[in-house]
């Protein structure tokens, strides 16, 4: 069936390189936070155990607090399941998501809604 009219989309706004550049600069700060979190988790059995225990108890606030206490400067969110955790570091211009496994039962991450 052919529609008797054309579907027209409004023109896309002009590309703004300044916004794109700010977003990239912002993401660099998020990467620094991601490196910090990864170093702290990799270097501490105690922190790793506390994050995993809180996640097993579905205590999202404690997981976020423990991650934030590593010294990150940006907002933090997390999604976890029996396979692992997604840690989101969030700013106004960008978001970095780190996926870490804590189970080797499967060879992939379960789909998660971020």
Protein backbone atom coordinates (compact mmCIF):
# COMPACT_ATOMS: atom_id res chain seq x y z
CA UNK A 1 0.00 0.00 0.00
CA UNK A 2 1.31 3.42 -0.93
CA UNK A 3 0.47 6.36 1.31
CA UNK A 4 -1.12 9.25 -0.57
CA UNK A 5 1.15 11.77 1.09
CA UNK A 6 4.84 12.24 1.81
CA UNK A 7 6.13 11.86 5.33
CA UNK A 8 8.39 14.80 5.96
CA UNK A 9 10.77 15.06 8.81
CA UNK A 10 11.92 18.37 10.15
CA UNK A 11 15.48 19.21 9.17
CA UNK A 12 18.15 18.17 11.62
CA UNK A 13 19.72 21.02 13.59
CA UNK A 14 23.08 22.23 12.39
CA UNK A 15 26.02 20.31 13.84
CA UNK A 16 27.48 22.08 16.85
CA UNK A 17 31.13 21.12 17.22
CA UNK A 18 31.43 23.09 20.47
CA UNK A 19 28.91 20.81 22.17
CA UNK A 20 30.63 17.74 20.76
CA UNK A 21 34.03 18.97 21.97
CA UNK A 22 32.68 19.75 25.46
CA UNK A 23 31.16 16.28 25.58
CA UNK A 24 34.50 14.69 24.68
CA UNK A 25 36.32 16.77 27.30
CA UNK A 26 33.70 15.81 29.86
CA UNK A 27 34.04 12.13 28.94
CA UNK A 28 37.78 12.33 29.62
CA UNK A 29 36.96 13.20 33.24
CA UNK A 30 34.58 10.26 33.41
CA UNK A 31 37.32 7.97 32.11
CA UNK A 32 39.59 9.15 34.90
CA UNK A 33 36.84 8.26 37.40
CA UNK A 34 36.39 4.86 35.71
CA UNK A 35 40.12 4.17 36.04
CA UNK A 36 39.97 5.13 39.71
CA UNK A 37 37.05 2.79 40.41
CA UNK A 38 38.74 -0.06 38.53
CA UNK A 39 42.03 0.42 40.40
CA UNK A 40 40.22 0.42 43.76
CA UNK A 41 38.16 -2.68 42.98
CA UNK A 42 41.14 -4.54 41.52
CA UNK A 43 43.27 -3.62 44.53
CA UNK A 44 40.88 -4.49 47.34
CA UNK A 45 39.39 -7.86 48.18
CA UNK A 46 37.40 -6.14 50.93
CA UNK A 47 35.82 -3.53 48.64
CA UNK A 48 35.08 -6.17 46.01
CA UNK A 49 33.43 -8.40 48.62
CA UNK A 50 31.34 -5.53 50.02
CA UNK A 51 30.09 -4.47 46.57
CA UNK A 52 29.21 -8.04 45.64
CA UNK A 53 27.50 -8.71 48.98
CA UNK A 54 25.39 -5.56 48.67
CA UNK A 55 24.47 -6.52 45.10
CA UNK A 56 23.48 -10.04 46.19
CA UNK A 57 21.13 -8.41 48.69
CA UNK A 58 19.78 -6.08 45.95
CA UNK A 59 20.99 -3.11 48.00
CA UNK A 60 21.51 -0.66 45.15
CA UNK A 61 22.08 2.34 47.43
CA UNK A 62 24.95 0.61 49.24
CA UNK A 63 26.52 -0.44 45.93
CA UNK A 64 26.34 3.17 44.70
CA UNK A 65 27.71 4.50 48.01
CA UNK A 66 30.66 2.06 47.96
CA UNK A 67 31.50 3.02 44.38
CA UNK A 68 31.17 6.73 45.18
CA UNK A 69 33.46 6.30 48.21
CA UNK A 70 36.29 5.26 45.89
CA UNK A 71 36.70 8.97 45.19
CA UNK A 72 34.81 9.44 41.94
CA UNK A 73 33.76 13.03 41.23
CA UNK A 74 30.75 12.31 39.02
CA UNK A 75 27.32 10.81 39.57
CA UNK A 76 27.18 7.03 39.78
CA UNK A 77 24.53 4.48 38.91
CA UNK A 78 24.70 0.72 38.69
CA UNK A 79 22.78 -2.25 37.39
CA UNK A 80 23.70 -5.74 38.51
CA UNK A 81 22.59 -9.34 38.29
CA UNK A 82 24.15 -12.74 39.07
CA UNK A 83 26.51 -12.39 36.09
CA UNK A 84 28.08 -9.04 36.92
CA UNK A 85 27.66 -5.31 37.25
CA UNK A 86 27.35 -2.31 34.96
CA UNK A 87 28.74 0.83 36.57
CA UNK A 88 27.61 4.08 34.96
CA UNK A 89 29.55 7.29 35.53
CA UNK A 90 27.36 10.20 34.56
CA UNK A 91 27.83 13.88 33.84
CA UNK A 92 25.72 16.45 32.05
CA UNK A 93 27.46 15.93 28.69
CA UNK A 94 28.37 12.24 28.64
CA UNK A 95 28.16 8.82 30.26
CA UNK A 96 30.71 6.03 30.57
CA UNK A 97 29.53 2.49 31.32
CA UNK A 98 31.92 -0.11 32.70
CA UNK A 99 30.83 -3.75 32.60
CA UNK A 100 32.48 -6.17 35.04
CA UNK A 101 31.76 -9.86 35.48
CA UNK A 102 31.75 -11.66 38.79
CA UNK A 103 30.47 -14.99 37.56
CA UNK A 104 32.01 -17.32 35.02
CA UNK A 105 28.93 -19.52 34.74
CA UNK A 106 28.19 -18.14 31.29
CA UNK A 107 30.38 -16.69 28.61
CA UNK A 108 28.41 -13.46 28.18
CA UNK A 109 26.63 -10.73 30.06
CA UNK A 110 22.91 -11.02 30.50
CA UNK A 111 21.08 -8.21 28.73
CA UNK A 112 20.51 -5.29 31.06
CA UNK A 113 18.38 -2.26 30.75
CA UNK A 114 20.41 0.87 31.49
